[in-house]
Amino acid sequence: MKKLLSLLLALMLLCTAAAAEGLSAGAWQLPENTAITEEAQTAFDKAMEELVGVSYTPLALLGTQLVSGMNYCILCRAVVVYPDAQPYYALVYLYADLEGNAQITQVVPLDIAALAEALG
């Protein structure tokens, strides 16, 4: 359980650091609870409507950033859509505008083995 908490914290820090490189309008906020909120789920569903080739399942909301709309960083389980594809984890960044549109802005595949090794 300790390693899982450490891994989640490391992912949250990665989310914040990676997002800070590409998006600088507002400060990223780390949620007290990583459950996917209704707003984040709505944005996620909207952003995934036209995506083909990879199936993403949201697992945890790692951060939000208020801009002229909202940016989300969501930890997802990903599977490329073909037989016997191996699942992996990725940080999916979304932008939801004020009109209810949403799009994927970045996907960062995670190397869990490297993260676990780095945490010791």
PDB file of N, CA and C in Angstrom:
ATOM      1  N   MET A   1       0.827  -1.187   0.000  1.00  0.00           N
ATOM      2  CA  MET A   1       0.000   0.000   0.000  1.00  0.00           C
ATOM      3  C   MET A   1       0.873   1.253   0.000  1.00  0.00           C
ATOM      4  N   LYS A   2       1.978   1.186   0.753  1.00  0.00           N
ATOM      5  CA  LYS A   2       2.898   2.317   0.816  1.00  0.00           C
ATOM      6  C   LYS A   2       3.488   2.623  -0.561  1.00  0.00           C
ATOM      7  N   LYS A   3       3.848   1.556  -1.291  1.00  0.00           N
ATOM      8  CA  LYS A   3       4.421   1.746  -2.623  1.00  0.00           C
ATOM      9  C   LYS A   3       3.379   2.323  -3.571  1.00  0.00           C
ATOM     10  N   LEU A   4       2.136   1.880  -3.463  1.00  0.00           N
ATOM     11  CA  LEU A   4       1.080   2.390  -4.319  1.00  0.00           C
ATOM     12  C   LEU A   4       0.864   3.876  -4.059  1.00  0.00           C
ATOM     13  N   LEU A   5       0.859   4.281  -2.789  1.00  0.00           N
ATOM     14  CA  LEU A   5       0.712   5.693  -2.448  1.00  0.00           C
ATOM     15  C   LEU A   5       1.897   6.495  -2.969  1.00  0.00           C
ATOM     16  N   SER A   6       3.093   5.966  -2.834  1.00  0.00           N
ATOM     17  CA  SER A   6       4.284   6.643  -3.341  1.00  0.00           C
ATOM     18  C   SER A   6       4.232   6.779  -4.850  1.00  0.00           C
ATOM     19  N   LEU A   7       3.779   5.731  -5.518  1.00  0.00           N
ATOM     20  CA  LEU A   7       3.667   5.753  -6.966  1.00  0.00           C
ATOM     21  C   LEU A   7       2.635   6.789  -7.409  1.00  0.00           C
ATOM     22  N   LEU A   8       1.491   6.843  -6.733  1.00  0.00           N
ATOM     23  CA  LEU A   8       0.462   7.821  -7.071  1.00  0.00           C
ATOM     24  C   LEU A   8       0.976   9.242  -6.855  1.00  0.00           C
ATOM     25  N   LEU A   9       1.690   9.471  -5.765  1.00  0.00           N
ATOM     26  CA  LEU A   9       2.268  10.788  -5.509  1.00  0.00           C
ATOM     27  C   LEU A   9       3.283  11.158  -6.591  1.00  0.00           C
ATOM     28  N   ALA A  10       4.120  10.209  -6.973  1.00  0.00           N
ATOM     29  CA  ALA A  10       5.098  10.457  -8.035  1.00  0.00           C
ATOM     30  C   ALA A  10       4.397  10.791  -9.344  1.00  0.00           C
ATOM     31  N   LEU A  11       3.302  10.089  -9.640  1.00  0.00           N
ATOM     32  CA  LEU A  11       2.544  10.375 -10.857  1.00  0.00           C
ATOM     33  C   LEU A  11       1.933  11.763 -10.812  1.00  0.00           C
ATOM     34  N   MET A  12       1.442  12.163  -9.642  1.00  0.00           N
ATOM     35  CA  MET A  12       0.869  13.499  -9.509  1.00  0.00           C
ATOM     36  C   MET A  12       1.936  14.567  -9.739  1.00  0.00           C
ATOM     37  N   LEU A  13       3.126  14.331  -9.224  1.00  0.00           N
ATOM     38  CA  LEU A  13       4.220  15.277  -9.435  1.00  0.00           C
ATOM     39  C   LEU A  13       4.633  15.328 -10.901  1.00  0.00           C
ATOM     40  N   LEU A  14       4.680  14.162 -11.540  1.00  0.00           N
ATOM     41  CA  LEU A  14       4.982  14.127 -12.969  1.00  0.00           C
ATOM     42  C   LEU A  14       3.930  14.871 -13.766  1.00  0.00           C
ATOM     43  N   CYS A  15       2.678  14.683 -13.396  1.00  0.00           N
ATOM     44  CA  CYS A  15       1.570  15.361 -14.059  1.00  0.00           C
ATOM     45  C   CYS A  15       1.757  16.861 -13.970  1.00  0.00           C
ATOM     46  N   THR A  16       2.048  17.355 -12.799  1.00  0.00           N
ATOM     47  CA  THR A  16       2.221  18.786 -12.595  1.00  0.00           C
ATOM     48  C   THR A  16       3.440  19.304 -13.356  1.00  0.00           C
ATOM     49  N   ALA A  17       4.539  18.588 -13.295  1.00  0.00           N
ATOM     50  CA  ALA A  17       5.759  19.031 -13.973  1.00  0.00           C
ATOM     51  C   ALA A  17       5.598  19.010 -15.487  1.00  0.00           C
ATOM     52  N   ALA A  18       5.022  17.941 -16.017  1.00  0.00           N
ATOM     53  CA  ALA A  18       4.839  17.849 -17.468  1.00  0.00           C
ATOM     54  C   ALA A  18       3.875  18.913 -17.960  1.00  0.00           C
ATOM     55  N   ALA A  19       2.836  19.152 -17.220  1.00  0.00           N
ATOM     56  CA  ALA A  19       1.850  20.150 -17.637  1.00  0.00           C
ATOM     57  C   ALA A  19       2.430  21.555 -17.578  1.00  0.00           C
ATOM     58  N   ALA A  20       3.273  21.808 -16.623  1.00  0.00           N
ATOM     59  CA  ALA A  20       3.854  23.141 -16.475  1.00  0.00           C
ATOM     60  C   ALA A  20       4.706  23.513 -17.684  1.00  0.00           C
ATOM     61  N   GLU A  21       5.275  22.505 -18.355  1.00  0.00           N
ATOM     62  CA  GLU A  21       6.094  22.779 -19.529  1.00  0.00           C
ATOM     63  C   GLU A  21       5.264  23.316 -20.688  1.00  0.00           C
ATOM     64  N   GLY A  22       4.058  22.755 -20.884  1.00  0.00           N
ATOM     65  CA  GLY A  22       3.287  23.117 -22.055  1.00  0.00           C
ATOM     66  C   GLY A  22       2.153  24.086 -21.786  1.00  0.00           C
ATOM     67  N   LEU A  23       1.692  24.186 -20.569  1.00  0.00           N
ATOM     68  CA  LEU A  23       0.534  25.015 -20.243  1.00  0.00           C
ATOM     69  C   LEU A  23       0.886  25.881 -19.045  1.00  0.00           C
ATOM     70  N   SER A  24       0.818  27.207 -19.199  1.00  0.00           N
ATOM     71  CA  SER A  24       1.290  28.041 -18.101  1.00  0.00           C
ATOM     72  C   SER A  24       0.284  29.081 -17.623  1.00  0.00           C
ATOM     73  N   ALA A  25      -0.969  29.041 -18.081  1.00  0.00           N
ATOM     74  CA  ALA A  25      -1.931  30.093 -17.745  1.00  0.00           C
ATOM     75  C   ALA A  25      -2.261  30.131 -16.258  1.00  0.00           C
ATOM     76  N   GLY A  26      -2.616  29.023 -15.658  1.00  0.00           N
ATOM     77  CA  GLY A  26      -2.997  28.986 -14.249  1.00  0.00           C
ATOM     78  C   GLY A  26      -2.227  27.914 -13.518  1.00  0.00           C
ATOM     79  N   ALA A  27      -2.323  27.941 -12.209  1.00  0.00           N
ATOM     80  CA  ALA A  27      -1.618  26.936 -11.405  1.00  0.00           C
ATOM     81  C   ALA A  27      -2.380  25.617 -11.419  1.00  0.00           C
ATOM     82  N   TRP A  28      -1.663  24.533 -11.510  1.00  0.00           N
ATOM     83  CA  TRP A  28      -2.284  23.214 -11.424  1.00  0.00           C
ATOM     84  C   TRP A  28      -2.656  22.951  -9.976  1.00  0.00           C
ATOM     85  N   GLN A  29      -3.840  22.426  -9.782  1.00  0.00           N
ATOM     86  CA  GLN A  29      -4.333  22.080  -8.454  1.00  0.00           C
ATOM     87  C   GLN A  29      -4.375  20.564  -8.322  1.00  0.00           C
ATOM     88  N   LEU A  30      -3.824  20.047  -7.234  1.00  0.00           N
ATOM     89  CA  LEU A  30      -3.902  18.615  -6.956  1.00  0.00           C
ATOM     90  C   LEU A  30      -5.151  18.357  -6.130  1.00  0.00           C
ATOM     91  N   PRO A  31      -5.992  17.437  -6.553  1.00  0.00           N
ATOM     92  CA  PRO A  31      -7.232  17.188  -5.807  1.00  0.00           C
ATOM     93  C   PRO A  31      -6.956  16.472  -4.485  1.00  0.00           C
ATOM     94  N   GLU A  32      -7.827  16.708  -3.522  1.00  0.00           N
ATOM     95  CA  GLU A  32      -7.718  15.977  -2.254  1.00  0.00           C
ATOM     96  C   GLU A  32      -8.142  14.530  -2.439  1.00  0.00           C
ATOM     97  N   ASN A  33      -9.036  14.309  -3.405  1.00  0.00           N
ATOM     98  CA  ASN A  33      -9.543  12.976  -3.713  1.00  0.00           C
ATOM     99  C   ASN A  33      -9.299  12.745  -5.198  1.00  0.00           C
ATOM    100  N   THR A  34      -8.719  11.630  -5.560  1.00  0.00           N
ATOM    101  CA  THR A  34      -8.382  11.375  -6.960  1.00  0.00           C
ATOM    102  C   THR A  34      -9.528  10.736  -7.746  1.00  0.00           C
ATOM    103  N   ALA A  35     -10.702  10.634  -7.141  1.00  0.00           N
ATOM    104  CA  ALA A  35     -11.857  10.095  -7.867  1.00  0.00           C
ATOM    105  C   ALA A  35     -12.181  11.014  -9.048  1.00  0.00           C
ATOM    106  N   ILE A  36     -12.596  10.412 -10.149  1.00  0.00           N
ATOM    107  CA  ILE A  36     -12.950  11.184 -11.335  1.00  0.00           C
ATOM    108  C   ILE A  36     -14.246  11.939 -11.048  1.00  0.00           C
ATOM    109  N   THR A  37     -14.200  13.259 -11.158  1.00  0.00           N
ATOM    110  CA  THR A  37     -15.394  14.072 -10.912  1.00  0.00           C
ATOM    111  C   THR A  37     -16.342  13.976 -12.110  1.00  0.00           C
ATOM    112  N   GLU A  38     -17.572  14.388 -11.900  1.00  0.00           N
ATOM    113  CA  GLU A  38     -18.555  14.373 -12.985  1.00  0.00           C
ATOM    114  C   GLU A  38     -18.097  15.266 -14.139  1.00  0.00           C
ATOM    115  N   GLU A  39     -17.535  16.440 -13.806  1.00  0.00           N
ATOM    116  CA  GLU A  39     -17.062  17.362 -14.835  1.00  0.00           C
ATOM    117  C   GLU A  39     -15.898  16.753 -15.620  1.00  0.00           C
ATOM    118  N   ALA A  40     -14.966  16.129 -14.911  1.00  0.00           N
ATOM    119  CA  ALA A  40     -13.825  15.503 -15.578  1.00  0.00           C
ATOM    120  C   ALA A  40     -14.291  14.338 -16.451  1.00  0.00           C
ATOM    121  N   GLN A  41     -15.246  13.549 -15.967  1.00  0.00           N
ATOM    122  CA  GLN A  41     -15.760  12.423 -16.747  1.00  0.00           C
ATOM    123  C   GLN A  41     -16.460  12.913 -18.010  1.00  0.00           C
ATOM    124  N   THR A  42     -17.234  13.997 -17.889  1.00  0.00           N
ATOM    125  CA  THR A  42     -17.918  14.569 -19.052  1.00  0.00           C
ATOM    126  C   THR A  42     -16.898  15.036 -20.090  1.00  0.00           C
ATOM    127  N   ALA A  43     -15.862  15.748 -19.640  1.00  0.00           N
ATOM    128  CA  ALA A  43     -14.812  16.212 -20.555  1.00  0.00           C
ATOM    129  C   ALA A  43     -14.082  15.029 -21.185  1.00  0.00           C
ATOM    130  N   PHE A  44     -13.791  14.016 -20.377  1.00  0.00           N
ATOM    131  CA  PHE A  44     -13.105  12.817 -20.859  1.00  0.00           C
ATOM    132  C   PHE A  44     -13.931  12.138 -21.948  1.00  0.00           C
ATOM    133  N   ASP A  45     -15.216  11.919 -21.662  1.00  0.00           N
ATOM    134  CA  ASP A  45     -16.094  11.255 -22.632  1.00  0.00           C
ATOM    135  C   ASP A  45     -16.170  12.050 -23.932  1.00  0.00           C
ATOM    136  N   LYS A  46     -16.298  13.362 -23.831  1.00  0.00           N
ATOM    137  CA  LYS A  46     -16.381  14.224 -25.012  1.00  0.00           C
ATOM    138  C   LYS A  46     -15.080  14.151 -25.820  1.00  0.00           C
ATOM    139  N   ALA A  47     -13.947  14.213 -25.157  1.00  0.00           N
ATOM    140  CA  ALA A  47     -12.653  14.179 -25.832  1.00  0.00           C
ATOM    141  C   ALA A  47     -12.396  12.830 -26.514  1.00  0.00           C
ATOM    142  N   MET A  48     -12.960  11.760 -25.969  1.00  0.00           N
ATOM    143  CA  MET A  48     -12.723  10.418 -26.508  1.00  0.00           C
ATOM    144  C   MET A  48     -13.675  10.050 -27.642  1.00  0.00           C
ATOM    145  N   GLU A  49     -14.682  10.854 -27.900  1.00  0.00           N
ATOM    146  CA  GLU A  49     -15.703  10.515 -28.898  1.00  0.00           C
ATOM    147  C   GLU A  49     -15.134  10.147 -30.261  1.00  0.00           C
ATOM    148  N   GLU A  50     -14.139  10.848 -30.725  1.00  0.00           N
ATOM    149  CA  GLU A  50     -13.615  10.633 -32.070  1.00  0.00           C
ATOM    150  C   GLU A  50     -12.289   9.877 -32.090  1.00  0.00           C
ATOM    151  N   LEU A  51     -11.835   9.452 -30.915  1.00  0.00           N
ATOM    152  CA  LEU A  51     -10.557   8.748 -30.838  1.00  0.00           C
ATOM    153  C   LEU A  51     -10.722   7.305 -31.307  1.00  0.00           C
ATOM    154  N   VAL A  52      -9.811   6.870 -32.150  1.00  0.00           N
ATOM    155  CA  VAL A  52      -9.807   5.479 -32.602  1.00  0.00           C
ATOM    156  C   VAL A  52      -8.406   4.913 -32.413  1.00  0.00           C
ATOM    157  N   GLY A  53      -8.333   3.618 -32.220  1.00  0.00           N
ATOM    158  CA  GLY A  53      -7.036   2.954 -32.153  1.00  0.00           C
ATOM    159  C   GLY A  53      -6.550   2.626 -30.760  1.00  0.00           C
ATOM    160  N   VAL A  54      -6.953   3.417 -29.772  1.00  0.00           N
ATOM    161  CA  VAL A  54      -6.555   3.167 -28.378  1.00  0.00           C
ATOM    162  C   VAL A  54      -7.772   3.386 -27.499  1.00  0.00           C
ATOM    163  N   SER A  55      -7.952   2.493 -26.546  1.00  0.00           N
ATOM    164  CA  SER A  55      -9.038   2.636 -25.576  1.00  0.00           C
ATOM    165  C   SER A  55      -8.437   3.080 -24.242  1.00  0.00           C
ATOM    166  N   TYR A  56      -8.915   4.215 -23.719  1.00  0.00           N
ATOM    167  CA  TYR A  56      -8.439   4.733 -22.436  1.00  0.00           C
ATOM    168  C   TYR A  56      -9.532   4.580 -21.389  1.00  0.00           C
ATOM    169  N   THR A  57      -9.154   4.056 -20.230  1.00  0.00           N
ATOM    170  CA  THR A  57     -10.066   3.951 -19.093  1.00  0.00           C
ATOM    171  C   THR A  57      -9.536   4.855 -17.989  1.00  0.00           C
ATOM    172  N   PRO A  58     -10.304   5.876 -17.593  1.00  0.00           N
ATOM    173  CA  PRO A  58      -9.813   6.787 -16.553  1.00  0.00           C
ATOM    174  C   PRO A  58      -9.762   6.093 -15.190  1.00  0.00           C
ATOM    175  N   LEU A  59      -8.659   6.293 -14.473  1.00  0.00           N
ATOM    176  CA  LEU A  59      -8.467   5.676 -13.158  1.00  0.00           C
ATOM    177  C   LEU A  59      -8.411   6.695 -12.033  1.00  0.00           C
ATOM    178  N   ALA A  60      -7.784   7.839 -12.283  1.00  0.00           N
ATOM    179  CA  ALA A  60      -7.608   8.834 -11.218  1.00  0.00           C
ATOM    180  C   ALA A  60      -7.446  10.226 -11.818  1.00  0.00           C
ATOM    181  N   LEU A  61      -8.083  11.184 -11.182  1.00  0.00           N
ATOM    182  CA  LEU A  61      -7.913  12.586 -11.552  1.00  0.00           C
ATOM    183  C   LEU A  61      -6.718  13.108 -10.773  1.00  0.00           C
ATOM    184  N   LEU A  62      -5.638  13.438 -11.476  1.00  0.00           N
ATOM    185  CA  LEU A  62      -4.404  13.842 -10.806  1.00  0.00           C
ATOM    186  C   LEU A  62      -4.250  15.347 -10.667  1.00  0.00           C
ATOM    187  N   GLY A  63      -4.943  16.111 -11.502  1.00  0.00           N
ATOM    188  CA  GLY A  63      -4.816  17.560 -11.403  1.00  0.00           C
ATOM    189  C   GLY A  63      -5.781  18.280 -12.316  1.00  0.00           C
ATOM    190  N   THR A  64      -6.072  19.530 -11.945  1.00  0.00           N
ATOM    191  CA  THR A  64      -6.893  20.413 -12.775  1.00  0.00           C
ATOM    192  C   THR A  64      -6.204  21.764 -12.841  1.00  0.00           C
ATOM    193  N   GLN A  65      -6.480  22.481 -13.922  1.00  0.00           N
ATOM    194  CA  GLN A  65      -5.911  23.807 -14.107  1.00  0.00           C
ATOM    195  C   GLN A  65      -7.001  24.690 -14.719  1.00  0.00           C
ATOM    196  N   LEU A  66      -7.381  25.711 -13.979  1.00  0.00           N
ATOM    197  CA  LEU A  66      -8.389  26.644 -14.453  1.00  0.00           C
ATOM    198  C   LEU A  66      -7.758  27.620 -15.438  1.00  0.00           C
ATOM    199  N   VAL A  67      -8.267  27.615 -16.655  1.00  0.00           N
ATOM    200  CA  VAL A  67      -7.827  28.541 -17.693  1.00  0.00           C
ATOM    201  C   VAL A  67      -9.113  29.127 -18.272  1.00  0.00           C
ATOM    202  N   SER A  68      -9.148  29.492 -19.517  1.00  0.00           N
ATOM    203  CA  SER A  68     -10.426  29.900 -20.111  1.00  0.00           C
ATOM    204  C   SER A  68     -11.155  28.602 -20.479  1.00  0.00           C
ATOM    205  N   GLY A  69     -11.524  27.883 -19.470  1.00  0.00           N
ATOM    206  CA  GLY A  69     -12.034  26.523 -19.532  1.00  0.00           C
ATOM    207  C   GLY A  69     -11.301  25.760 -18.433  1.00  0.00           C
ATOM    208  N   MET A  70     -11.072  24.480 -18.649  1.00  0.00           N
ATOM    209  CA  MET A  70     -10.392  23.677 -17.632  1.00  0.00           C
ATOM    210  C   MET A  70      -9.481  22.662 -18.311  1.00  0.00           C
ATOM    211  N   ASN A  71      -8.273  22.525 -17.781  1.00  0.00           N
ATOM    212  CA  ASN A  71      -7.360  21.461 -18.169  1.00  0.00           C
ATOM    213  C   ASN A  71      -7.450  20.375 -17.112  1.00  0.00           C
ATOM    214  N   TYR A  72      -7.349  19.130 -17.561  1.00  0.00           N
ATOM    215  CA  TYR A  72      -7.391  17.977 -16.659  1.00  0.00           C
ATOM    216  C   TYR A  72      -6.189  17.085 -16.943  1.00  0.00           C
ATOM    217  N   CYS A  73      -5.640  16.505 -15.896  1.00  0.00           N
ATOM    218  CA  CYS A  73      -4.633  15.460 -16.015  1.00  0.00           C
ATOM    219  C   CYS A  73      -5.230  14.211 -15.390  1.00  0.00           C
ATOM    220  N   ILE A  74      -5.411  13.170 -16.212  1.00  0.00           N
ATOM    221  CA  ILE A  74      -6.082  11.953 -15.765  1.00  0.00           C
ATOM    222  C   ILE A  74      -5.174  10.753 -16.002  1.00  0.00           C
ATOM    223  N   LEU A  75      -4.979   9.964 -14.966  1.00  0.00           N
ATOM    224  CA  LEU A  75      -4.253   8.705 -15.098  1.00  0.00           C
ATOM    225  C   LEU A  75      -5.203   7.694 -15.721  1.00  0.00           C
ATOM    226  N   CYS A  76      -4.758   7.066 -16.807  1.00  0.00           N
ATOM    227  CA  CYS A  76      -5.609   6.117 -17.527  1.00  0.00           C
ATOM    228  C   CYS A  76      -4.904   4.790 -17.750  1.00  0.00           C
ATOM    229  N   ARG A  77      -5.711   3.752 -17.870  1.00  0.00           N
ATOM    230  CA  ARG A  77      -5.245   2.460 -18.354  1.00  0.00           C
ATOM    231  C   ARG A  77      -5.524   2.491 -19.848  1.00  0.00           C
ATOM    232  N   ALA A  78      -4.529   2.183 -20.652  1.00  0.00           N
ATOM    233  CA  ALA A  78      -4.664   2.256 -22.099  1.00  0.00           C
ATOM    234  C   ALA A  78      -4.425   0.893 -22.728  1.00  0.00           C
ATOM    235  N   VAL A  79      -5.191   0.639 -23.790  1.00  0.00           N
ATOM    236  CA  VAL A  79      -5.002  -0.589 -24.553  1.00  0.00           C
ATOM    237  C   VAL A  79      -5.157  -0.229 -26.027  1.00  0.00           C
ATOM    238  N   VAL A  80      -4.131  -0.550 -26.804  1.00  0.00           N
ATOM    239  CA  VAL A  80      -4.232  -0.375 -28.248  1.00  0.00           C
ATOM    240  C   VAL A  80      -5.239  -1.401 -28.736  1.00  0.00           C
ATOM    241  N   VAL A  81      -6.097  -0.983 -29.658  1.00  0.00           N
ATOM    242  CA  VAL A  81      -7.188  -1.841 -30.103  1.00  0.00           C
ATOM    243  C   VAL A  81      -6.696  -2.795 -31.200  1.00  0.00           C
ATOM    244  N   TYR A  82      -6.137  -3.904 -30.765  1.00  0.00           N
ATOM    245  CA  TYR A  82      -5.814  -5.019 -31.651  1.00  0.00           C
ATOM    246  C   TYR A  82      -5.646  -6.248 -30.776  1.00  0.00           C
ATOM    247  N   PRO A  83      -5.801  -7.450 -31.346  1.00  0.00           N
ATOM    248  CA  PRO A  83      -5.759  -8.680 -30.545  1.00  0.00           C
ATOM    249  C   PRO A  83      -4.461  -8.817 -29.751  1.00  0.00           C
ATOM    250  N   ASP A  84      -4.609  -9.230 -28.514  1.00  0.00           N
ATOM    251  CA  ASP A  84      -3.489  -9.514 -27.609  1.00  0.00           C
ATOM    252  C   ASP A  84      -2.617  -8.299 -27.279  1.00  0.00           C
ATOM    253  N   ALA A  85      -3.147  -7.110 -27.449  1.00  0.00           N
ATOM    254  CA  ALA A  85      -2.390  -5.899 -27.098  1.00  0.00           C
ATOM    255  C   ALA A  85      -2.188  -5.852 -25.586  1.00  0.00           C
ATOM    256  N   GLN A  86      -1.009  -5.429 -25.173  1.00  0.00           N
ATOM    257  CA  GLN A  86      -0.688  -5.319 -23.755  1.00  0.00           C
ATOM    258  C   GLN A  86      -1.140  -3.955 -23.226  1.00  0.00           C
ATOM    259  N   PRO A  87      -1.843  -3.944 -22.106  1.00  0.00           N
ATOM    260  CA  PRO A  87      -2.248  -2.655 -21.537  1.00  0.00           C
ATOM    261  C   PRO A  87      -1.045  -1.903 -20.977  1.00  0.00           C
ATOM    262  N   TYR A  88      -1.185  -0.605 -20.887  1.00  0.00           N
ATOM    263  CA  TYR A  88      -0.170   0.243 -20.278  1.00  0.00           C
ATOM    264  C   TYR A  88      -0.881   1.409 -19.600  1.00  0.00           C
ATOM    265  N   TYR A  89      -0.139   2.220 -18.872  1.00  0.00           N
ATOM    266  CA  TYR A  89      -0.713   3.382 -18.203  1.00  0.00           C
ATOM    267  C   TYR A  89      -0.210   4.651 -18.881  1.00  0.00           C
ATOM    268  N   ALA A  90      -1.062   5.670 -18.864  1.00  0.00           N
ATOM    269  CA  ALA A  90      -0.692   6.934 -19.494  1.00  0.00           C
ATOM    270  C   ALA A  90      -1.352   8.087 -18.747  1.00  0.00           C
ATOM    271  N   LEU A  91      -0.690   9.234 -18.792  1.00  0.00           N
ATOM    272  CA  LEU A  91      -1.303  10.476 -18.327  1.00  0.00           C
ATOM    273  C   LEU A  91      -1.972  11.091 -19.544  1.00  0.00           C
ATOM    274  N   VAL A  92      -3.268  11.337 -19.437  1.00  0.00           N
ATOM    275  CA  VAL A  92      -4.020  11.942 -20.535  1.00  0.00           C
ATOM    276  C   VAL A  92      -4.389  13.352 -20.100  1.00  0.00           C
ATOM    277  N   TYR A  93      -3.953  14.329 -20.891  1.00  0.00           N
ATOM    278  CA  TYR A  93      -4.263  15.733 -20.627  1.00  0.00           C
ATOM    279  C   TYR A  93      -5.408  16.151 -21.535  1.00  0.00           C
ATOM    280  N   LEU A  94      -6.408  16.768 -20.952  1.00  0.00           N
ATOM    281  CA  LEU A  94      -7.580  17.223 -21.693  1.00  0.00           C
ATOM    282  C   LEU A  94      -7.782  18.708 -21.482  1.00  0.00           C
ATOM    283  N   TYR A  95      -8.396  19.338 -22.464  1.00  0.00           N
ATOM    284  CA  TYR A  95      -8.842  20.716 -22.324  1.00  0.00           C
ATOM    285  C   TYR A  95     -10.334  20.745 -22.615  1.00  0.00           C
ATOM    286  N   ALA A  96     -11.116  21.292 -21.684  1.00  0.00           N
ATOM    287  CA  ALA A  96     -12.553  21.489 -21.874  1.00  0.00           C
ATOM    288  C   ALA A  96     -12.802  22.986 -21.927  1.00  0.00           C
ATOM    289  N   ASP A  97     -13.403  23.445 -23.042  1.00  0.00           N
ATOM    290  CA  ASP A  97     -13.647  24.884 -23.168  1.00  0.00           C
ATOM    291  C   ASP A  97     -14.971  25.270 -22.498  1.00  0.00           C
ATOM    292  N   LEU A  98     -15.291  26.537 -22.552  1.00  0.00           N
ATOM    293  CA  LEU A  98     -16.480  27.050 -21.871  1.00  0.00           C
ATOM    294  C   LEU A  98     -17.781  26.701 -22.594  1.00  0.00           C
ATOM    295  N   GLU A  99     -17.691  26.211 -23.834  1.00  0.00           N
ATOM    296  CA  GLU A  99     -18.879  25.824 -24.593  1.00  0.00           C
ATOM    297  C   GLU A  99     -19.201  24.341 -24.480  1.00  0.00           C
ATOM    298  N   GLY A 100     -18.425  23.599 -23.692  1.00  0.00           N
ATOM    299  CA  GLY A 100     -18.684  22.176 -23.519  1.00  0.00           C
ATOM    300  C   GLY A 100     -17.923  21.272 -24.470  1.00  0.00           C
ATOM    301  N   ASN A 101     -17.034  21.836 -25.268  1.00  0.00           N
ATOM    302  CA  ASN A 101     -16.183  21.027 -26.143  1.00  0.00           C
ATOM    303  C   ASN A 101     -14.968  20.558 -25.348  1.00  0.00           C
ATOM    304  N   ALA A 102     -14.427  19.422 -25.744  1.00  0.00           N
ATOM    305  CA  ALA A 102     -13.231  18.911 -25.058  1.00  0.00           C
ATOM    306  C   ALA A 102     -12.347  18.206 -26.065  1.00  0.00           C
ATOM    307  N   GLN A 103     -11.040  18.279 -25.805  1.00  0.00           N
ATOM    308  CA  GLN A 103     -10.080  17.620 -26.687  1.00  0.00           C
ATOM    309  C   GLN A 103      -8.883  17.132 -25.884  1.00  0.00           C
ATOM    310  N   ILE A 104      -8.250  16.107 -26.426  1.00  0.00           N
ATOM    311  CA  ILE A 104      -7.001  15.610 -25.853  1.00  0.00           C
ATOM    312  C   ILE A 104      -5.904  16.576 -26.272  1.00  0.00           C
ATOM    313  N   THR A 105      -5.113  17.036 -25.323  1.00  0.00           N
ATOM    314  CA  THR A 105      -4.010  17.926 -25.661  1.00  0.00           C
ATOM    315  C   THR A 105      -2.662  17.215 -25.621  1.00  0.00           C
ATOM    316  N   GLN A 106      -2.587  16.138 -24.847  1.00  0.00           N
ATOM    317  CA  GLN A 106      -1.317  15.415 -24.736  1.00  0.00           C
ATOM    318  C   GLN A 106      -1.582  14.056 -24.093  1.00  0.00           C
ATOM    319  N   VAL A 107      -0.823  13.050 -24.521  1.00  0.00           N
ATOM    320  CA  VAL A 107      -0.843  11.731 -23.897  1.00  0.00           C
ATOM    321  C   VAL A 107       0.603  11.370 -23.585  1.00  0.00           C
ATOM    322  N   VAL A 108       0.858  11.047 -22.322  1.00  0.00           N
ATOM    323  CA  VAL A 108       2.209  10.699 -21.890  1.00  0.00           C
ATOM    324  C   VAL A 108       2.199   9.257 -21.376  1.00  0.00           C
ATOM    325  N   PRO A 109       2.689   8.291 -22.185  1.00  0.00           N
ATOM    326  CA  PRO A 109       2.766   6.910 -21.707  1.00  0.00           C
ATOM    327  C   PRO A 109       3.718   6.825 -20.508  1.00  0.00           C
ATOM    328  N   LEU A 110       3.355   5.992 -19.545  1.00  0.00           N
ATOM    329  CA  LEU A 110       4.180   5.843 -18.342  1.00  0.00           C
ATOM    330  C   LEU A 110       4.922   4.520 -18.359  1.00  0.00           C
ATOM    331  N   ASP A 111       6.162   4.562 -17.965  1.00  0.00           N
ATOM    332  CA  ASP A 111       6.966   3.359 -17.797  1.00  0.00           C
ATOM    333  C   ASP A 111       6.937   3.026 -16.307  1.00  0.00           C
ATOM    334  N   ILE A 112       5.976   2.199 -15.920  1.00  0.00           N
ATOM    335  CA  ILE A 112       5.767   1.882 -14.496  1.00  0.00           C
ATOM    336  C   ILE A 112       7.005   1.229 -13.880  1.00  0.00           C
ATOM    337  N   ALA A 113       7.659   0.360 -14.636  1.00  0.00           N
ATOM    338  CA  ALA A 113       8.858  -0.311 -14.097  1.00  0.00           C
ATOM    339  C   ALA A 113       9.939   0.719 -13.762  1.00  0.00           C
ATOM    340  N   ALA A 114      10.131   1.703 -14.632  1.00  0.00           N
ATOM    341  CA  ALA A 114      11.146   2.739 -14.372  1.00  0.00           C
ATOM    342  C   ALA A 114      10.755   3.597 -13.170  1.00  0.00           C
ATOM    343  N   LEU A 115       9.462   3.927 -13.054  1.00  0.00           N
ATOM    344  CA  LEU A 115       9.006   4.701 -11.898  1.00  0.00           C
ATOM    345  C   LEU A 115       9.204   3.924 -10.603  1.00  0.00           C
ATOM    346  N   ALA A 116       8.834   2.655 -10.609  1.00  0.00           N
ATOM    347  CA  ALA A 116       8.986   1.821  -9.412  1.00  0.00           C
ATOM    348  C   ALA A 116      10.452   1.707  -9.015  1.00  0.00           C
ATOM    349  N   GLU A 117      11.320   1.558 -10.010  1.00  0.00           N
ATOM    350  CA  GLU A 117      12.755   1.459  -9.744  1.00  0.00           C
ATOM    351  C   GLU A 117      13.294   2.768  -9.162  1.00  0.00           C
ATOM    352  N   ALA A 118      12.817   3.880  -9.693  1.00  0.00           N
ATOM    353  CA  ALA A 118      13.260   5.183  -9.203  1.00  0.00           C
ATOM    354  C   ALA A 118      12.827   5.420  -7.765  1.00  0.00           C
ATOM    355  N   LEU A 119      11.660   4.862  -7.397  1.00  0.00           N
ATOM    356  CA  LEU A 119      11.159   5.021  -6.022  1.00  0.00           C
ATOM    357  C   LEU A 119      11.861   4.077  -5.054  1.00  0.00           C
ATOM    358  N   GLY A 120      12.507   3.070  -5.597  1.00  0.00           N
ATOM    359  CA  GLY A 120      13.272   2.153  -4.758  1.00  0.00           C
ATOM    360  C   GLY A 120      12.425   1.116  -4.219  1.00  0.00           C
TER     361      GLY A 120
END
